[in-house]
Amino acid sequence: LRAAPEVALMLPLPQDARLREVCLGLEDARLRQLGLGEWGERLGVSEKTLSRLFLRETGLSFRAWRQRQRLLDALTPLEQGERVTDVALACGYDSLSAFIAAFRRQFGATPGEFFRE
């Protein structure tokens, strides 16, 4: 039997109230593009502090956490047969190729391969 590669399908959530606010805010399409510095300004804390907290509490950098969130959000519409291009744009990717490359890094397969297996 061939062992299937491990795929990260969970998104670790932080305990810190400030980070939880960031994570919940990233669910809102209007706030999704805010960077960690902008979140720091909103919350009255430095970008560096938020960055350290993110890594300590989730095991991921802010960028990696946000990318995983976007890719996990893409799974349901892709599974339901929505066009990959439409899903990529809805998840905030500027191009289809950037989305497919990120998807492959995260899940070990392109969207088409992932849902064929």
PDB file of N, CA and C in Angstrom:
ATOM      1  N   LEU A   1       0.830  -1.193   0.000  1.00  0.00           N
ATOM      2  CA  LEU A   1       0.000   0.000   0.000  1.00  0.00           C
ATOM      3  C   LEU A   1       0.869   1.248   0.000  1.00  0.00           C
ATOM      4  N   ARG A   2       0.480   2.160  -0.825  1.00  0.00           N
ATOM      5  CA  ARG A   2       1.206   3.428  -0.905  1.00  0.00           C
ATOM      6  C   ARG A   2       0.622   4.390   0.116  1.00  0.00           C
ATOM      7  N   ALA A   3       1.470   4.984   0.920  1.00  0.00           N
ATOM      8  CA  ALA A   3       0.998   5.944   1.932  1.00  0.00           C
ATOM      9  C   ALA A   3       0.658   7.262   1.251  1.00  0.00           C
ATOM     10  N   ALA A   4      -0.499   7.795   1.584  1.00  0.00           N
ATOM     11  CA  ALA A   4      -0.906   9.093   1.046  1.00  0.00           C
ATOM     12  C   ALA A   4      -0.109  10.191   1.730  1.00  0.00           C
ATOM     13  N   PRO A   5       0.254  11.221   0.986  1.00  0.00           N
ATOM     14  CA  PRO A   5       0.987  12.322   1.626  1.00  0.00           C
ATOM     15  C   PRO A   5       0.106  13.037   2.639  1.00  0.00           C
ATOM     16  N   GLU A   6       0.750  13.536   3.685  1.00  0.00           N
ATOM     17  CA  GLU A   6       0.011  14.270   4.712  1.00  0.00           C
ATOM     18  C   GLU A   6      -0.399  15.631   4.165  1.00  0.00           C
ATOM     19  N   VAL A   7      -1.667  15.962   4.335  1.00  0.00           N
ATOM     20  CA  VAL A   7      -2.204  17.223   3.831  1.00  0.00           C
ATOM     21  C   VAL A   7      -2.726  18.021   5.018  1.00  0.00           C
ATOM     22  N   ALA A   8      -2.314  19.273   5.111  1.00  0.00           N
ATOM     23  CA  ALA A   8      -2.739  20.131   6.224  1.00  0.00           C
ATOM     24  C   ALA A   8      -4.129  20.689   5.927  1.00  0.00           C
ATOM     25  N   LEU A   9      -5.139  20.083   6.536  1.00  0.00           N
ATOM     26  CA  LEU A   9      -6.519  20.522   6.329  1.00  0.00           C
ATOM     27  C   LEU A   9      -7.076  21.248   7.542  1.00  0.00           C
ATOM     28  N   MET A  10      -6.230  21.493   8.521  1.00  0.00           N
ATOM     29  CA  MET A  10      -6.672  22.211   9.716  1.00  0.00           C
ATOM     30  C   MET A  10      -6.015  23.583   9.748  1.00  0.00           C
ATOM     31  N   LEU A  11      -6.725  24.501  10.366  1.00  0.00           N
ATOM     32  CA  LEU A  11      -6.198  25.850  10.529  1.00  0.00           C
ATOM     33  C   LEU A  11      -6.107  26.128  12.021  1.00  0.00           C
ATOM     34  N   PRO A  12      -4.885  26.178  12.569  1.00  0.00           N
ATOM     35  CA  PRO A  12      -4.753  26.414  14.004  1.00  0.00           C
ATOM     36  C   PRO A  12      -5.236  27.808  14.386  1.00  0.00           C
ATOM     37  N   LEU A  13      -6.057  27.878  15.419  1.00  0.00           N
ATOM     38  CA  LEU A  13      -6.581  29.165  15.883  1.00  0.00           C
ATOM     39  C   LEU A  13      -5.856  29.600  17.148  1.00  0.00           C
ATOM     40  N   PRO A  14      -5.473  30.864  17.217  1.00  0.00           N
ATOM     41  CA  PRO A  14      -4.754  31.369  18.385  1.00  0.00           C
ATOM     42  C   PRO A  14      -5.696  31.606  19.566  1.00  0.00           C
ATOM     43  N   GLN A  15      -5.120  31.639  20.750  1.00  0.00           N
ATOM     44  CA  GLN A  15      -5.881  31.939  21.963  1.00  0.00           C
ATOM     45  C   GLN A  15      -5.901  33.437  22.262  1.00  0.00           C
ATOM     46  N   ASP A  16      -4.854  34.133  21.867  1.00  0.00           N
ATOM     47  CA  ASP A  16      -4.744  35.566  22.132  1.00  0.00           C
ATOM     48  C   ASP A  16      -5.917  36.310  21.491  1.00  0.00           C
ATOM     49  N   ALA A  17      -6.582  37.161  22.269  1.00  0.00           N
ATOM     50  CA  ALA A  17      -7.783  37.868  21.795  1.00  0.00           C
ATOM     51  C   ALA A  17      -7.484  38.749  20.586  1.00  0.00           C
ATOM     52  N   ARG A  18      -6.323  39.379  20.569  1.00  0.00           N
ATOM     53  CA  ARG A  18      -5.973  40.240  19.434  1.00  0.00           C
ATOM     54  C   ARG A  18      -5.816  39.424  18.158  1.00  0.00           C
ATOM     55  N   LEU A  19      -5.161  38.283  18.291  1.00  0.00           N
ATOM     56  CA  LEU A  19      -4.981  37.433  17.112  1.00  0.00           C
ATOM     57  C   LEU A  19      -6.299  36.833  16.651  1.00  0.00           C
ATOM     58  N   ARG A  20      -7.161  36.502  17.600  1.00  0.00           N
ATOM     59  CA  ARG A  20      -8.488  35.984  17.223  1.00  0.00           C
ATOM     60  C   ARG A  20      -9.256  37.038  16.424  1.00  0.00           C
ATOM     61  N   GLU A  21      -9.123  38.294  16.833  1.00  0.00           N
ATOM     62  CA  GLU A  21      -9.783  39.376  16.099  1.00  0.00           C
ATOM     63  C   GLU A  21      -9.249  39.458  14.668  1.00  0.00           C
ATOM     64  N   VAL A  22      -7.947  39.300  14.521  1.00  0.00           N
ATOM     65  CA  VAL A  22      -7.350  39.290  13.186  1.00  0.00           C
ATOM     66  C   VAL A  22      -7.910  38.123  12.376  1.00  0.00           C
ATOM     67  N   CYS A  23      -7.914  36.940  12.964  1.00  0.00           N
ATOM     68  CA  CYS A  23      -8.376  35.740  12.255  1.00  0.00           C
ATOM     69  C   CYS A  23      -9.839  35.854  11.847  1.00  0.00           C
ATOM     70  N   LEU A  24     -10.661  36.359  12.739  1.00  0.00           N
ATOM     71  CA  LEU A  24     -12.074  36.552  12.401  1.00  0.00           C
ATOM     72  C   LEU A  24     -12.230  37.630  11.334  1.00  0.00           C
ATOM     73  N   GLY A  25     -11.426  38.670  11.427  1.00  0.00           N
ATOM     74  CA  GLY A  25     -11.478  39.737  10.438  1.00  0.00           C
ATOM     75  C   GLY A  25     -11.106  39.263   9.047  1.00  0.00           C
ATOM     76  N   LEU A  26     -10.211  38.291   8.971  1.00  0.00           N
ATOM     77  CA  LEU A  26      -9.790  37.783   7.670  1.00  0.00           C
ATOM     78  C   LEU A  26     -10.890  36.999   6.963  1.00  0.00           C
ATOM     79  N   GLU A  27     -11.949  36.672   7.678  1.00  0.00           N
ATOM     80  CA  GLU A  27     -13.106  36.030   7.045  1.00  0.00           C
ATOM     81  C   GLU A  27     -13.911  37.046   6.235  1.00  0.00           C
ATOM     82  N   ASP A  28     -13.764  38.317   6.560  1.00  0.00           N
ATOM     83  CA  ASP A  28     -14.484  39.398   5.887  1.00  0.00           C
ATOM     84  C   ASP A  28     -13.698  39.808   4.636  1.00  0.00           C
ATOM     85  N   ALA A  29     -14.325  39.704   3.481  1.00  0.00           N
ATOM     86  CA  ALA A  29     -13.640  40.008   2.219  1.00  0.00           C
ATOM     87  C   ALA A  29     -13.070  41.426   2.199  1.00  0.00           C
ATOM     88  N   ARG A  30     -13.726  42.362   2.876  1.00  0.00           N
ATOM     89  CA  ARG A  30     -13.240  43.747   2.886  1.00  0.00           C
ATOM     90  C   ARG A  30     -11.953  43.893   3.677  1.00  0.00           C
ATOM     91  N   LEU A  31     -11.713  43.007   4.628  1.00  0.00           N
ATOM     92  CA  LEU A  31     -10.529  43.103   5.485  1.00  0.00           C
ATOM     93  C   LEU A  31      -9.442  42.104   5.094  1.00  0.00           C
ATOM     94  N   ARG A  32      -9.748  41.225   4.168  1.00  0.00           N
ATOM     95  CA  ARG A  32      -8.852  40.123   3.819  1.00  0.00           C
ATOM     96  C   ARG A  32      -7.487  40.594   3.323  1.00  0.00           C
ATOM     97  N   GLN A  33      -7.446  41.747   2.695  1.00  0.00           N
ATOM     98  CA  GLN A  33      -6.185  42.211   2.113  1.00  0.00           C
ATOM     99  C   GLN A  33      -5.307  42.988   3.095  1.00  0.00           C
ATOM    100  N   LEU A  34      -5.796  43.231   4.302  1.00  0.00           N
ATOM    101  CA  LEU A  34      -4.986  43.966   5.280  1.00  0.00           C
ATOM    102  C   LEU A  34      -3.758  43.158   5.665  1.00  0.00           C
ATOM    103  N   GLY A  35      -2.640  43.839   5.736  1.00  0.00           N
ATOM    104  CA  GLY A  35      -1.414  43.199   6.177  1.00  0.00           C
ATOM    105  C   GLY A  35      -1.296  43.245   7.691  1.00  0.00           C
ATOM    106  N   LEU A  36      -0.291  42.587   8.210  1.00  0.00           N
ATOM    107  CA  LEU A  36      -0.113  42.517   9.656  1.00  0.00           C
ATOM    108  C   LEU A  36       0.158  43.898  10.257  1.00  0.00           C
ATOM    109  N   GLY A  37       0.854  44.757   9.523  1.00  0.00           N
ATOM    110  CA  GLY A  37       1.096  46.118  10.009  1.00  0.00           C
ATOM    111  C   GLY A  37      -0.197  46.898  10.176  1.00  0.00           C
ATOM    112  N   GLU A  38      -1.101  46.733   9.210  1.00  0.00           N
ATOM    113  CA  GLU A  38      -2.397  47.419   9.293  1.00  0.00           C
ATOM    114  C   GLU A  38      -3.241  46.862  10.437  1.00  0.00           C
ATOM    115  N   TRP A  39      -3.159  45.570  10.657  1.00  0.00           N
ATOM    116  CA  TRP A  39      -3.872  44.988  11.801  1.00  0.00           C
ATOM    117  C   TRP A  39      -3.282  45.522  13.107  1.00  0.00           C
ATOM    118  N   GLY A  40      -1.960  45.651  13.140  1.00  0.00           N
ATOM    119  CA  GLY A  40      -1.317  46.193  14.325  1.00  0.00           C
ATOM    120  C   GLY A  40      -1.802  47.598  14.639  1.00  0.00           C
ATOM    121  N   GLU A  41      -1.931  48.423  13.607  1.00  0.00           N
ATOM    122  CA  GLU A  41      -2.437  49.789  13.804  1.00  0.00           C
ATOM    123  C   GLU A  41      -3.858  49.766  14.351  1.00  0.00           C
ATOM    124  N   ARG A  42      -4.687  48.898  13.808  1.00  0.00           N
ATOM    125  CA  ARG A  42      -6.080  48.798  14.269  1.00  0.00           C
ATOM    126  C   ARG A  42      -6.159  48.354  15.728  1.00  0.00           C
ATOM    127  N   LEU A  43      -5.230  47.472  16.117  1.00  0.00           N
ATOM    128  CA  LEU A  43      -5.285  46.880  17.455  1.00  0.00           C
ATOM    129  C   LEU A  43      -4.374  47.575  18.462  1.00  0.00           C
ATOM    130  N   GLY A  44      -3.586  48.539  18.009  1.00  0.00           N
ATOM    131  CA  GLY A  44      -2.698  49.253  18.918  1.00  0.00           C
ATOM    132  C   GLY A  44      -1.524  48.424  19.402  1.00  0.00           C
ATOM    133  N   VAL A  45      -1.005  47.590  18.527  1.00  0.00           N
ATOM    134  CA  VAL A  45       0.136  46.744  18.872  1.00  0.00           C
ATOM    135  C   VAL A  45       1.068  46.719  17.659  1.00  0.00           C
ATOM    136  N   SER A  46       2.336  46.488  17.896  1.00  0.00           N
ATOM    137  CA  SER A  46       3.285  46.525  16.783  1.00  0.00           C
ATOM    138  C   SER A  46       3.136  45.303  15.880  1.00  0.00           C
ATOM    139  N   GLU A  47       3.534  45.505  14.643  1.00  0.00           N
ATOM    140  CA  GLU A  47       3.529  44.400  13.679  1.00  0.00           C
ATOM    141  C   GLU A  47       4.437  43.273  14.162  1.00  0.00           C
ATOM    142  N   LYS A  48       5.573  43.642  14.720  1.00  0.00           N
ATOM    143  CA  LYS A  48       6.533  42.643  15.198  1.00  0.00           C
ATOM    144  C   LYS A  48       5.930  41.794  16.319  1.00  0.00           C
ATOM    145  N   THR A  49       5.197  42.432  17.226  1.00  0.00           N
ATOM    146  CA  THR A  49       4.546  41.694  18.314  1.00  0.00           C
ATOM    147  C   THR A  49       3.515  40.723  17.756  1.00  0.00           C
ATOM    148  N   LEU A  50       2.686  41.204  16.832  1.00  0.00           N
ATOM    149  CA  LEU A  50       1.687  40.318  16.226  1.00  0.00           C
ATOM    150  C   LEU A  50       2.358  39.159  15.497  1.00  0.00           C
ATOM    151  N   SER A  51       3.436  39.440  14.817  1.00  0.00           N
ATOM    152  CA  SER A  51       4.157  38.403  14.079  1.00  0.00           C
ATOM    153  C   SER A  51       4.678  37.320  15.021  1.00  0.00           C
ATOM    154  N   ARG A  52       5.295  37.743  16.119  1.00  0.00           N
ATOM    155  CA  ARG A  52       5.813  36.773  17.102  1.00  0.00           C
ATOM    156  C   ARG A  52       4.682  35.960  17.712  1.00  0.00           C
ATOM    157  N   LEU A  53       3.576  36.646  18.054  1.00  0.00           N
ATOM    158  CA  LEU A  53       2.427  35.950  18.638  1.00  0.00           C
ATOM    159  C   LEU A  53       1.843  34.931  17.665  1.00  0.00           C
ATOM    160  N   PHE A  54       1.719  35.307  16.412  1.00  0.00           N
ATOM    161  CA  PHE A  54       1.158  34.397  15.408  1.00  0.00           C
ATOM    162  C   PHE A  54       1.975  33.120  15.338  1.00  0.00           C
ATOM    163  N   LEU A  55       3.273  33.276  15.249  1.00  0.00           N
ATOM    164  CA  LEU A  55       4.143  32.110  15.144  1.00  0.00           C
ATOM    165  C   LEU A  55       4.073  31.256  16.404  1.00  0.00           C
ATOM    166  N   ARG A  56       4.101  31.893  17.563  1.00  0.00           N
ATOM    167  CA  ARG A  56       4.066  31.154  18.823  1.00  0.00           C
ATOM    168  C   ARG A  56       2.741  30.427  19.019  1.00  0.00           C
ATOM    169  N   GLU A  57       1.638  31.066  18.688  1.00  0.00           N
ATOM    170  CA  GLU A  57       0.331  30.482  18.994  1.00  0.00           C
ATOM    171  C   GLU A  57      -0.208  29.543  17.922  1.00  0.00           C
ATOM    172  N   THR A  58       0.233  29.704  16.688  1.00  0.00           N
ATOM    173  CA  THR A  58      -0.306  28.855  15.620  1.00  0.00           C
ATOM    174  C   THR A  58       0.739  27.943  14.993  1.00  0.00           C
ATOM    175  N   GLY A  59       2.013  28.257  15.221  1.00  0.00           N
ATOM    176  CA  GLY A  59       3.069  27.495  14.567  1.00  0.00           C
ATOM    177  C   GLY A  59       3.296  27.928  13.127  1.00  0.00           C
ATOM    178  N   LEU A  60       2.571  28.955  12.697  1.00  0.00           N
ATOM    179  CA  LEU A  60       2.674  29.462  11.329  1.00  0.00           C
ATOM    180  C   LEU A  60       2.928  30.963  11.352  1.00  0.00           C
ATOM    181  N   SER A  61       3.620  31.439  10.333  1.00  0.00           N
ATOM    182  CA  SER A  61       3.727  32.889  10.181  1.00  0.00           C
ATOM    183  C   SER A  61       2.353  33.419   9.779  1.00  0.00           C
ATOM    184  N   PHE A  62       2.157  34.719   9.925  1.00  0.00           N
ATOM    185  CA  PHE A  62       0.888  35.322   9.511  1.00  0.00           C
ATOM    186  C   PHE A  62       0.627  35.040   8.041  1.00  0.00           C
ATOM    187  N   ARG A  63       1.635  35.215   7.218  1.00  0.00           N
ATOM    188  CA  ARG A  63       1.475  34.984   5.775  1.00  0.00           C
ATOM    189  C   ARG A  63       1.070  33.538   5.485  1.00  0.00           C
ATOM    190  N   ALA A  64       1.744  32.583   6.119  1.00  0.00           N
ATOM    191  CA  ALA A  64       1.415  31.170   5.892  1.00  0.00           C
ATOM    192  C   ALA A  64       0.015  30.847   6.405  1.00  0.00           C
ATOM    193  N   TRP A  65      -0.362  31.419   7.557  1.00  0.00           N
ATOM    194  CA  TRP A  65      -1.697  31.170   8.115  1.00  0.00           C
ATOM    195  C   TRP A  65      -2.767  31.714   7.180  1.00  0.00           C
ATOM    196  N   ARG A  66      -2.561  32.942   6.691  1.00  0.00           N
ATOM    197  CA  ARG A  66      -3.542  33.563   5.798  1.00  0.00           C
ATOM    198  C   ARG A  66      -3.644  32.788   4.485  1.00  0.00           C
ATOM    199  N   GLN A  67      -2.519  32.338   3.975  1.00  0.00           N
ATOM    200  CA  GLN A  67      -2.557  31.569   2.730  1.00  0.00           C
ATOM    201  C   GLN A  67      -3.296  30.245   2.937  1.00  0.00           C
ATOM    202  N   ARG A  68      -3.028  29.576   4.048  1.00  0.00           N
ATOM    203  CA  ARG A  68      -3.735  28.318   4.318  1.00  0.00           C
ATOM    204  C   ARG A  68      -5.232  28.572   4.448  1.00  0.00           C
ATOM    205  N   GLN A  69      -5.602  29.650   5.116  1.00  0.00           N
ATOM    206  CA  GLN A  69      -7.020  29.981   5.259  1.00  0.00           C
ATOM    207  C   GLN A  69      -7.672  30.157   3.892  1.00  0.00           C
ATOM    208  N   ARG A  70      -7.021  30.900   3.027  1.00  0.00           N
ATOM    209  CA  ARG A  70      -7.579  31.142   1.695  1.00  0.00           C
ATOM    210  C   ARG A  70      -7.716  29.849   0.908  1.00  0.00           C
ATOM    211  N   LEU A  71      -6.719  28.978   1.012  1.00  0.00           N
ATOM    212  CA  LEU A  71      -6.772  27.718   0.274  1.00  0.00           C
ATOM    213  C   LEU A  71      -7.816  26.768   0.851  1.00  0.00           C
ATOM    214  N   LEU A  72      -7.948  26.730   2.161  1.00  0.00           N
ATOM    215  CA  LEU A  72      -8.995  25.901   2.763  1.00  0.00           C
ATOM    216  C   LEU A  72     -10.374  26.418   2.377  1.00  0.00           C
ATOM    217  N   ASP A  73     -10.519  27.741   2.304  1.00  0.00           N
ATOM    218  CA  ASP A  73     -11.789  28.330   1.871  1.00  0.00           C
ATOM    219  C   ASP A  73     -12.123  27.949   0.433  1.00  0.00           C
ATOM    220  N   ALA A  74     -11.109  27.642  -0.358  1.00  0.00           N
ATOM    221  CA  ALA A  74     -11.321  27.292  -1.766  1.00  0.00           C
ATOM    222  C   ALA A  74     -11.834  25.870  -1.952  1.00  0.00           C
ATOM    223  N   LEU A  75     -11.629  25.010  -0.978  1.00  0.00           N
ATOM    224  CA  LEU A  75     -11.960  23.594  -1.164  1.00  0.00           C
ATOM    225  C   LEU A  75     -13.441  23.350  -1.443  1.00  0.00           C
ATOM    226  N   THR A  76     -14.319  23.969  -0.687  1.00  0.00           N
ATOM    227  CA  THR A  76     -15.753  23.713  -0.870  1.00  0.00           C
ATOM    228  C   THR A  76     -16.245  24.138  -2.248  1.00  0.00           C
ATOM    229  N   PRO A  77     -15.985  25.374  -2.687  1.00  0.00           N
ATOM    230  CA  PRO A  77     -16.468  25.725  -4.026  1.00  0.00           C
ATOM    231  C   PRO A  77     -15.838  24.874  -5.132  1.00  0.00           C
ATOM    232  N   LEU A  78     -14.570  24.495  -4.969  1.00  0.00           N
ATOM    233  CA  LEU A  78     -13.951  23.634  -5.975  1.00  0.00           C
ATOM    234  C   LEU A  78     -14.629  22.268  -5.999  1.00  0.00           C
ATOM    235  N   GLU A  79     -14.893  21.733  -4.828  1.00  0.00           N
ATOM    236  CA  GLU A  79     -15.560  20.429  -4.745  1.00  0.00           C
ATOM    237  C   GLU A  79     -16.955  20.486  -5.365  1.00  0.00           C
ATOM    238  N   GLN A  80     -17.593  21.641  -5.265  1.00  0.00           N
ATOM    239  CA  GLN A  80     -18.935  21.813  -5.826  1.00  0.00           C
ATOM    240  C   GLN A  80     -18.913  22.098  -7.323  1.00  0.00           C
ATOM    241  N   GLY A  81     -17.720  22.109  -7.908  1.00  0.00           N
ATOM    242  CA  GLY A  81     -17.607  22.235  -9.350  1.00  0.00           C
ATOM    243  C   GLY A  81     -17.439  23.642  -9.884  1.00  0.00           C
ATOM    244  N   GLU A  82     -17.226  24.609  -9.006  1.00  0.00           N
ATOM    245  CA  GLU A  82     -16.996  25.973  -9.502  1.00  0.00           C
ATOM    246  C   GLU A  82     -15.683  26.017 -10.281  1.00  0.00           C
ATOM    247  N   ARG A  83     -15.616  26.923 -11.220  1.00  0.00           N
ATOM    248  CA  ARG A  83     -14.413  27.062 -12.039  1.00  0.00           C
ATOM    249  C   ARG A  83     -13.231  27.492 -11.175  1.00  0.00           C
ATOM    250  N   VAL A  84     -12.090  26.891 -11.453  1.00  0.00           N
ATOM    251  CA  VAL A  84     -10.883  27.182 -10.681  1.00  0.00           C
ATOM    252  C   VAL A  84     -10.543  28.672 -10.758  1.00  0.00           C
ATOM    253  N   THR A  85     -10.682  29.264 -11.921  1.00  0.00           N
ATOM    254  CA  THR A  85     -10.381  30.694 -12.076  1.00  0.00           C
ATOM    255  C   THR A  85     -11.269  31.541 -11.173  1.00  0.00           C
ATOM    256  N   ASP A  86     -12.554  31.233 -11.137  1.00  0.00           N
ATOM    257  CA  ASP A  86     -13.487  31.997 -10.301  1.00  0.00           C
ATOM    258  C   ASP A  86     -13.149  31.849  -8.823  1.00  0.00           C
ATOM    259  N   VAL A  87     -12.812  30.641  -8.419  1.00  0.00           N
ATOM    260  CA  VAL A  87     -12.462  30.387  -7.017  1.00  0.00           C
ATOM    261  C   VAL A  87     -11.171  31.117  -6.660  1.00  0.00           C
ATOM    262  N   ALA A  88     -10.198  31.065  -7.545  1.00  0.00           N
ATOM    263  CA  ALA A  88      -8.916  31.737  -7.295  1.00  0.00           C
ATOM    264  C   ALA A  88      -9.124  33.229  -7.070  1.00  0.00           C
ATOM    265  N   LEU A  89      -9.902  33.851  -7.928  1.00  0.00           N
ATOM    266  CA  LEU A  89     -10.157  35.289  -7.792  1.00  0.00           C
ATOM    267  C   LEU A  89     -10.954  35.592  -6.526  1.00  0.00           C
ATOM    268  N   ALA A  90     -11.939  34.758  -6.215  1.00  0.00           N
ATOM    269  CA  ALA A  90     -12.750  34.961  -5.009  1.00  0.00           C
ATOM    270  C   ALA A  90     -11.916  34.821  -3.741  1.00  0.00           C
ATOM    271  N   CYS A  91     -10.869  34.018  -3.810  1.00  0.00           N
ATOM    272  CA  CYS A  91     -10.001  33.810  -2.641  1.00  0.00           C
ATOM    273  C   CYS A  91      -8.885  34.849  -2.548  1.00  0.00           C
ATOM    274  N   GLY A  92      -8.878  35.796  -3.477  1.00  0.00           N
ATOM    275  CA  GLY A  92      -7.915  36.887  -3.385  1.00  0.00           C
ATOM    276  C   GLY A  92      -6.639  36.707  -4.171  1.00  0.00           C
ATOM    277  N   TYR A  93      -6.566  35.694  -5.009  1.00  0.00           N
ATOM    278  CA  TYR A  93      -5.370  35.511  -5.832  1.00  0.00           C
ATOM    279  C   TYR A  93      -5.480  36.379  -7.079  1.00  0.00           C
ATOM    280  N   ASP A  94      -4.355  36.955  -7.487  1.00  0.00           N
ATOM    281  CA  ASP A  94      -4.342  37.837  -8.647  1.00  0.00           C
ATOM    282  C   ASP A  94      -4.313  37.077  -9.965  1.00  0.00           C
ATOM    283  N   SER A  95      -3.872  35.824  -9.907  1.00  0.00           N
ATOM    284  CA  SER A  95      -3.792  35.044 -11.140  1.00  0.00           C
ATOM    285  C   SER A  95      -4.078  33.581 -10.851  1.00  0.00           C
ATOM    286  N   LEU A  96      -4.510  32.897 -11.883  1.00  0.00           N
ATOM    287  CA  LEU A  96      -4.776  31.467 -11.778  1.00  0.00           C
ATOM    288  C   LEU A  96      -3.492  30.705 -11.485  1.00  0.00           C
ATOM    289  N   SER A  97      -2.403  31.091 -12.130  1.00  0.00           N
ATOM    290  CA  SER A  97      -1.146  30.371 -11.924  1.00  0.00           C
ATOM    291  C   SER A  97      -0.647  30.510 -10.485  1.00  0.00           C
ATOM    292  N   ALA A  98      -0.811  31.683  -9.883  1.00  0.00           N
ATOM    293  CA  ALA A  98      -0.403  31.866  -8.482  1.00  0.00           C
ATOM    294  C   ALA A  98      -1.245  30.986  -7.565  1.00  0.00           C
ATOM    295  N   PHE A  99      -2.540  30.903  -7.844  1.00  0.00           N
ATOM    296  CA  PHE A  99      -3.430  30.064  -7.043  1.00  0.00           C
ATOM    297  C   PHE A  99      -3.049  28.589  -7.167  1.00  0.00           C
ATOM    298  N   ILE A 100      -2.842  28.123  -8.390  1.00  0.00           N
ATOM    299  CA  ILE A 100      -2.514  26.708  -8.597  1.00  0.00           C
ATOM    300  C   ILE A 100      -1.181  26.366  -7.944  1.00  0.00           C
ATOM    301  N   ALA A 101      -0.199  27.250  -8.043  1.00  0.00           N
ATOM    302  CA  ALA A 101       1.103  27.002  -7.411  1.00  0.00           C
ATOM    303  C   ALA A 101       0.962  26.919  -5.893  1.00  0.00           C
ATOM    304  N   ALA A 102       0.201  27.836  -5.298  1.00  0.00           N
ATOM    305  CA  ALA A 102      -0.013  27.810  -3.846  1.00  0.00           C
ATOM    306  C   ALA A 102      -0.790  26.559  -3.446  1.00  0.00           C
ATOM    307  N   PHE A 103      -1.797  26.195  -4.224  1.00  0.00           N
ATOM    308  CA  PHE A 103      -2.606  25.006  -3.943  1.00  0.00           C
ATOM    309  C   PHE A 103      -1.716  23.762  -3.960  1.00  0.00           C
ATOM    310  N   ARG A 104      -0.854  23.665  -4.957  1.00  0.00           N
ATOM    311  CA  ARG A 104       0.039  22.504  -5.064  1.00  0.00           C
ATOM    312  C   ARG A 104       1.007  22.443  -3.881  1.00  0.00           C
ATOM    313  N   ARG A 105       1.545  23.588  -3.480  1.00  0.00           N
ATOM    314  CA  ARG A 105       2.452  23.602  -2.320  1.00  0.00           C
ATOM    315  C   ARG A 105       1.730  23.153  -1.057  1.00  0.00           C
ATOM    316  N   GLN A 106       0.495  23.586  -0.891  1.00  0.00           N
ATOM    317  CA  GLN A 106      -0.265  23.270   0.321  1.00  0.00           C
ATOM    318  C   GLN A 106      -0.767  21.829   0.338  1.00  0.00           C
ATOM    319  N   PHE A 107      -1.316  21.375  -0.781  1.00  0.00           N
ATOM    320  CA  PHE A 107      -2.006  20.088  -0.807  1.00  0.00           C
ATOM    321  C   PHE A 107      -1.288  19.000  -1.600  1.00  0.00           C
ATOM    322  N   GLY A 108      -0.177  19.337  -2.239  1.00  0.00           N
ATOM    323  CA  GLY A 108       0.594  18.332  -2.960  1.00  0.00           C
ATOM    324  C   GLY A 108       0.025  17.948  -4.313  1.00  0.00           C
ATOM    325  N   ALA A 109      -0.940  18.693  -4.805  1.00  0.00           N
ATOM    326  CA  ALA A 109      -1.570  18.409  -6.092  1.00  0.00           C
ATOM    327  C   ALA A 109      -2.253  19.673  -6.591  1.00  0.00           C
ATOM    328  N   THR A 110      -2.496  19.729  -7.885  1.00  0.00           N
ATOM    329  CA  THR A 110      -3.280  20.838  -8.430  1.00  0.00           C
ATOM    330  C   THR A 110      -4.739  20.628  -8.028  1.00  0.00           C
ATOM    331  N   PRO A 111      -5.582  21.639  -8.159  1.00  0.00           N
ATOM    332  CA  PRO A 111      -7.002  21.437  -7.828  1.00  0.00           C
ATOM    333  C   PRO A 111      -7.634  20.280  -8.608  1.00  0.00           C
ATOM    334  N   GLY A 112      -7.318  20.177  -9.890  1.00  0.00           N
ATOM    335  CA  GLY A 112      -7.870  19.082 -10.692  1.00  0.00           C
ATOM    336  C   GLY A 112      -7.424  17.725 -10.191  1.00  0.00           C
ATOM    337  N   GLU A 113      -6.140  17.588  -9.878  1.00  0.00           N
ATOM    338  CA  GLU A 113      -5.610  16.323  -9.360  1.00  0.00           C
ATOM    339  C   GLU A 113      -6.182  16.013  -7.983  1.00  0.00           C
ATOM    340  N   PHE A 114      -6.301  17.030  -7.162  1.00  0.00           N
ATOM    341  CA  PHE A 114      -6.774  16.847  -5.788  1.00  0.00           C
ATOM    342  C   PHE A 114      -8.174  16.246  -5.760  1.00  0.00           C
ATOM    343  N   PHE A 115      -9.046  16.717  -6.624  1.00  0.00           N
ATOM    344  CA  PHE A 115     -10.431  16.250  -6.595  1.00  0.00           C
ATOM    345  C   PHE A 115     -10.671  15.026  -7.470  1.00  0.00           C
ATOM    346  N   ARG A 116      -9.677  14.641  -8.253  1.00  0.00           N
ATOM    347  CA  ARG A 116      -9.773  13.407  -9.028  1.00  0.00           C
ATOM    348  C   ARG A 116      -9.445  12.200  -8.177  1.00  0.00           C
ATOM    349  N   GLU A 117      -8.559  12.388  -7.198  1.00  0.00           N
ATOM    350  CA  GLU A 117      -8.067  11.258  -6.394  1.00  0.00           C
ATOM    351  C   GLU A 117      -9.037  10.822  -5.342  1.00  0.00           C
TER     352      GLU A 117
END
